Protein backbone atom coordinates (compact mmCIF):
# COMPACT_ATOMS: atom_id res chain seq x y z
CA UNK A 1 78.10 -63.16 -34.08
CA UNK A 2 76.83 -64.20 -37.39
CA UNK A 3 77.55 -60.83 -38.87
CA UNK A 4 81.21 -60.81 -37.66
CA UNK A 5 82.79 -62.19 -40.84
CA UNK A 6 80.72 -59.88 -43.08
CA UNK A 7 81.70 -56.94 -40.82
CA UNK A 8 85.41 -57.78 -40.77
CA UNK A 9 85.47 -58.21 -44.50
CA UNK A 10 83.95 -54.97 -45.49
CA UNK A 11 84.55 -52.67 -42.60
CA UNK A 12 87.70 -54.26 -41.13
CA UNK A 13 90.26 -52.82 -43.87
CA UNK A 14 88.46 -49.44 -43.69
CA UNK A 15 88.20 -48.71 -40.07
CA UNK A 16 90.92 -48.97 -37.34
CA UNK A 17 88.27 -48.58 -34.48
CA UNK A 18 90.71 -49.49 -31.68
CA UNK A 19 90.40 -46.69 -29.08
CA UNK A 20 88.10 -44.71 -31.29
CA UNK A 21 84.49 -43.21 -30.94
CA UNK A 22 82.14 -44.93 -33.39
CA UNK A 23 78.59 -43.93 -34.33
CA UNK A 24 76.50 -46.70 -36.13
CA UNK A 25 73.66 -45.52 -38.24
CA UNK A 26 70.81 -47.83 -38.23
CA UNK A 27 72.01 -49.99 -35.40
CA UNK A 28 69.01 -52.29 -35.10
CA UNK A 29 69.82 -54.95 -32.52
CA UNK A 30 73.40 -54.07 -32.38
CA UNK A 31 75.61 -56.42 -34.51
CA UNK A 32 77.80 -53.37 -35.56
CA UNK A 33 78.06 -52.15 -31.95
CA UNK A 34 79.24 -55.50 -30.87
CA UNK A 35 81.88 -55.69 -33.68
CA UNK A 36 83.30 -52.32 -32.83
CA UNK A 37 83.50 -53.23 -29.26
CA UNK A 38 85.02 -56.47 -29.87
CA UNK A 39 87.68 -54.60 -32.05
CA UNK A 40 88.56 -52.19 -29.36
CA UNK A 41 86.41 -49.20 -29.92
CA UNK A 42 86.42 -46.77 -27.08
CA UNK A 43 82.80 -45.94 -27.01
CA UNK A 44 79.88 -46.69 -29.70
CA UNK A 45 76.63 -44.92 -30.21
CA UNK A 46 73.82 -46.59 -32.29
CA UNK A 47 71.01 -44.58 -33.76
CA UNK A 48 67.89 -46.25 -35.10
CA UNK A 49 64.45 -44.49 -35.59
CA UNK A 50 62.83 -47.80 -34.28
CA UNK A 51 65.04 -48.03 -31.39
CA UNK A 52 66.20 -51.38 -29.73
CA UNK A 53 66.47 -52.74 -26.25
CA UNK A 54 70.09 -53.01 -25.12
CA UNK A 55 69.76 -56.10 -22.88
CA UNK A 56 70.44 -58.68 -25.56
CA UNK A 57 73.67 -56.89 -26.65
CA UNK A 58 74.87 -56.67 -22.88
CA UNK A 59 74.14 -60.56 -22.73
CA UNK A 60 76.33 -61.07 -25.86
CA UNK A 61 79.22 -59.05 -24.32
CA UNK A 62 79.07 -60.98 -21.04
CA UNK A 63 79.11 -64.39 -23.02
CA UNK A 64 82.28 -63.06 -24.76
CA UNK A 65 84.03 -62.37 -21.61
CA UNK A 66 83.55 -58.43 -22.29
CA UNK A 67 81.39 -57.51 -19.39
CA UNK A 68 83.67 -54.51 -18.73
CA UNK A 69 82.34 -53.10 -22.03
CA UNK A 70 78.86 -53.00 -21.20
CA UNK A 71 78.92 -49.43 -20.35
CA UNK A 72 80.90 -48.49 -23.62
CA UNK A 73 77.88 -48.18 -25.63
CA UNK A 74 74.48 -46.44 -26.02
CA UNK A 75 71.41 -47.16 -28.32
CA UNK A 76 69.30 -44.13 -29.11
CA UNK A 77 65.84 -44.16 -30.76
CA UNK A 78 66.56 -41.24 -33.22
CA UNK A 79 67.84 -40.27 -36.81
CA UNK A 80 70.84 -38.31 -37.53
CA UNK A 81 68.57 -35.11 -38.02
CA UNK A 82 66.71 -35.25 -34.75
CA UNK A 83 69.22 -36.64 -32.38
CA UNK A 84 70.30 -34.86 -29.23
CA UNK A 85 73.72 -33.68 -28.72
CA UNK A 86 75.87 -36.98 -28.55
CA UNK A 87 79.47 -35.42 -29.23
CA UNK A 88 81.68 -36.32 -32.01
CA UNK A 89 83.25 -39.38 -33.55
CA UNK A 90 86.14 -40.76 -35.41
CA UNK A 91 84.15 -43.04 -37.60
CA UNK A 92 80.45 -43.34 -38.86
CA UNK A 93 79.52 -46.65 -40.07
CA UNK A 94 76.44 -48.03 -41.63
CA UNK A 95 75.66 -51.59 -42.74
CA UNK A 96 72.58 -52.38 -45.12
CA UNK A 97 70.77 -49.36 -44.05
CA UNK A 98 71.16 -46.67 -46.84
CA UNK A 99 69.14 -48.41 -49.30
CA UNK A 100 66.18 -47.78 -46.87
CA UNK A 101 66.96 -44.18 -46.06
CA UNK A 102 64.90 -41.19 -47.64
CA UNK A 103 66.61 -38.11 -48.70
CA UNK A 104 70.02 -39.66 -49.33
CA UNK A 105 72.07 -36.52 -49.84
CA UNK A 106 70.24 -34.70 -46.78
CA UNK A 107 71.20 -37.61 -44.64
CA UNK A 108 74.90 -37.76 -45.57
CA UNK A 109 75.16 -34.09 -45.11
CA UNK A 110 73.73 -34.33 -41.75
CA UNK A 111 76.79 -36.53 -40.66
CA UNK A 112 79.06 -33.56 -40.80
CA UNK A 113 78.28 -32.24 -37.33
CA UNK A 114 79.46 -35.60 -35.79
CA UNK A 115 82.88 -35.68 -37.69
CA UNK A 116 84.54 -32.30 -37.30
CA UNK A 117 88.12 -33.59 -36.81
CA UNK A 118 90.82 -34.45 -39.30
CA UNK A 119 90.97 -38.21 -39.94
CA UNK A 120 87.36 -38.73 -39.37
CA UNK A 121 85.58 -41.06 -41.92
CA UNK A 122 82.23 -42.52 -43.03
CA UNK A 123 82.19 -46.03 -44.22
CA UNK A 124 78.97 -47.49 -45.80
CA UNK A 125 78.04 -50.87 -47.05
CA UNK A 126 74.67 -51.19 -48.83
CA UNK A 127 73.22 -54.44 -50.28
CA UNK A 128 71.12 -55.14 -52.48
CA UNK A 129 70.67 -52.18 -54.53
CA UNK A 130 67.14 -51.67 -55.86
CA UNK A 131 67.57 -52.47 -59.58
CA UNK A 132 69.69 -55.55 -58.96
CA UNK A 133 68.21 -59.14 -59.23
CA UNK A 134 67.29 -59.25 -55.64
CA UNK A 135 66.96 -55.50 -54.87
CA UNK A 136 63.15 -56.15 -54.17
CA UNK A 137 64.23 -57.79 -50.85
CA UNK A 138 61.22 -60.30 -51.45
CA UNK A 139 61.02 -64.05 -51.95
CA UNK A 140 60.52 -64.02 -55.61
CA UNK A 141 62.90 -64.53 -58.62
CA UNK A 142 65.72 -62.41 -60.11
CA UNK A 143 64.61 -59.11 -61.31
CA UNK A 144 60.82 -60.00 -61.21
CA UNK A 145 59.96 -56.81 -59.41
CA UNK A 146 60.96 -55.31 -62.83
CA UNK A 147 59.47 -57.93 -65.28
CA UNK A 148 56.24 -58.28 -63.50
CA UNK A 149 53.40 -55.71 -62.90
CA UNK A 150 52.87 -54.56 -59.43
CA UNK A 151 49.54 -56.35 -59.10
CA UNK A 152 51.13 -59.75 -60.14
CA UNK A 153 53.97 -59.23 -57.78
CA UNK A 154 51.57 -58.36 -54.99
CA UNK A 155 49.72 -61.54 -55.33
CA UNK A 156 53.13 -63.49 -54.78
CA UNK A 157 54.26 -62.16 -51.31
CA UNK A 158 52.69 -61.87 -47.91
CA UNK A 159 51.22 -58.52 -46.90
CA UNK A 160 54.01 -57.70 -44.63
CA UNK A 161 56.63 -58.21 -47.21
CA UNK A 162 54.70 -56.23 -49.83
CA UNK A 163 54.39 -53.23 -47.32
CA UNK A 164 58.02 -53.21 -46.63
CA UNK A 165 58.88 -53.37 -50.51
CA UNK A 166 56.39 -50.43 -51.05
CA UNK A 167 57.25 -48.25 -48.07
CA UNK A 168 60.87 -49.28 -46.72
CA UNK A 169 62.95 -49.05 -49.91
CA UNK A 170 64.26 -45.79 -51.57
CA UNK A 171 65.04 -47.22 -55.00
CA UNK A 172 68.82 -46.60 -54.54
CA UNK A 173 71.15 -47.58 -57.19
CA UNK A 174 74.90 -47.13 -57.61
CA UNK A 175 74.25 -44.07 -59.65
CA UNK A 176 71.74 -42.39 -57.21
CA UNK A 177 74.07 -43.22 -54.36
CA UNK A 178 77.02 -41.58 -55.98
CA UNK A 179 75.13 -38.58 -57.03
CA UNK A 180 73.91 -38.09 -53.34
CA UNK A 181 77.58 -38.51 -52.16
CA UNK A 182 78.43 -35.54 -54.57
CA UNK A 183 75.64 -33.35 -53.58
CA UNK A 184 76.41 -33.95 -49.94
CA UNK A 185 79.79 -32.23 -50.56
CA UNK A 186 81.55 -35.54 -49.58
CA UNK A 187 84.93 -36.78 -51.04
CA UNK A 188 84.83 -40.56 -52.15
CA UNK A 189 88.19 -42.08 -50.74
CA UNK A 190 87.49 -45.62 -51.89
CA UNK A 191 84.80 -47.60 -53.75
CA UNK A 192 83.99 -51.32 -53.83
CA UNK A 193 81.13 -53.08 -55.52
CA UNK A 194 79.46 -56.48 -55.29
CA UNK A 195 78.65 -57.95 -58.69
CA UNK A 196 75.19 -59.10 -59.01
CA UNK A 197 74.78 -62.79 -57.82
CA UNK A 198 72.63 -63.63 -60.97
CA UNK A 199 74.73 -61.76 -63.54
CA UNK A 200 75.14 -64.73 -65.65
CA UNK A 201 71.41 -64.74 -66.21
CA UNK A 202 71.23 -61.14 -67.12
CA UNK A 203 71.35 -61.56 -71.00
CA UNK A 204 68.29 -63.88 -70.52
CA UNK A 205 66.35 -61.35 -68.71
CA UNK A 206 67.59 -58.22 -70.38
CA UNK A 207 65.01 -58.20 -73.19
CA UNK A 208 62.27 -58.53 -70.74
CA UNK A 209 63.24 -55.60 -68.66
CA UNK A 210 61.49 -52.07 -69.06
CA UNK A 211 63.21 -49.74 -71.50
CA UNK A 212 65.52 -47.00 -70.27
CA UNK A 213 67.17 -49.06 -67.53
CA UNK A 214 70.97 -48.90 -67.44
CA UNK A 215 72.98 -52.42 -67.29
CA UNK A 216 75.28 -51.01 -64.70
CA UNK A 217 72.45 -50.26 -62.20
CA UNK A 218 71.04 -53.61 -63.03
CA UNK A 219 74.05 -55.60 -62.58
CA UNK A 220 75.57 -54.34 -59.38
CA UNK A 221 74.22 -55.71 -56.20
CA UNK A 222 76.13 -53.75 -53.61
CA UNK A 223 78.33 -51.10 -52.78
CA UNK A 224 81.03 -50.24 -50.15
CA UNK A 225 82.89 -46.99 -49.81
CA UNK A 226 84.95 -44.68 -47.41
CA UNK A 227 83.77 -41.00 -47.35
CA UNK A 228 85.22 -37.83 -45.90
CA UNK A 229 84.24 -34.19 -45.74
CA UNK A 230 86.96 -31.74 -46.92
CA UNK A 231 87.57 -30.73 -43.24
CA UNK A 232 88.49 -34.11 -42.41
CA UNK A 233 91.40 -34.11 -44.72
CA UNK A 234 92.90 -31.00 -43.15
CA UNK A 235 96.33 -31.41 -41.15
């Protein structure tokens, strides 16, 4: 339930899920599935390479008086590249996942087989982007992953956090994400951004950052957008 406000804010105006089939990329323990079902989705499939037991989600639905919806979802341990045939969807949604995905354009292009119909849409929210003040996903200060050496940074965080920082982030920026959208052959229907929470401190930190970085990539924390393939726009 703690994600409900966030999901309604960023996805609610972009997805009319009532009576629709929804595919969730990176479903984890299922907050996006729960949100879609609470908003009337006909059926929701969650994909996550690590998988997740559905019991907690069923309990949440029962507590909300939605026991009848417990058969309206699936959670599958797979990626968009290796999942079995799961049918087609009206929407694909992904929340705070694409900053971890390897091969952005390839993954985006792989969504086309799930969205053959006119009107189908992809809605993505990603935050924080890697070069933003907290893009490190670590408990360190703003932009310290860029102003400190890797050895200095490693000494400041627990081993598991360091492993996640090194292995689970793809370095995505607003620039690289939009390039991947273009390479995947997608159309950008709308674009929203989240300004960096530390932007007022940027002029102070800017002289300490490595040369060659672009202020736009450094000062945008998140991105949200609606995408479609050309075939989704046909009458």
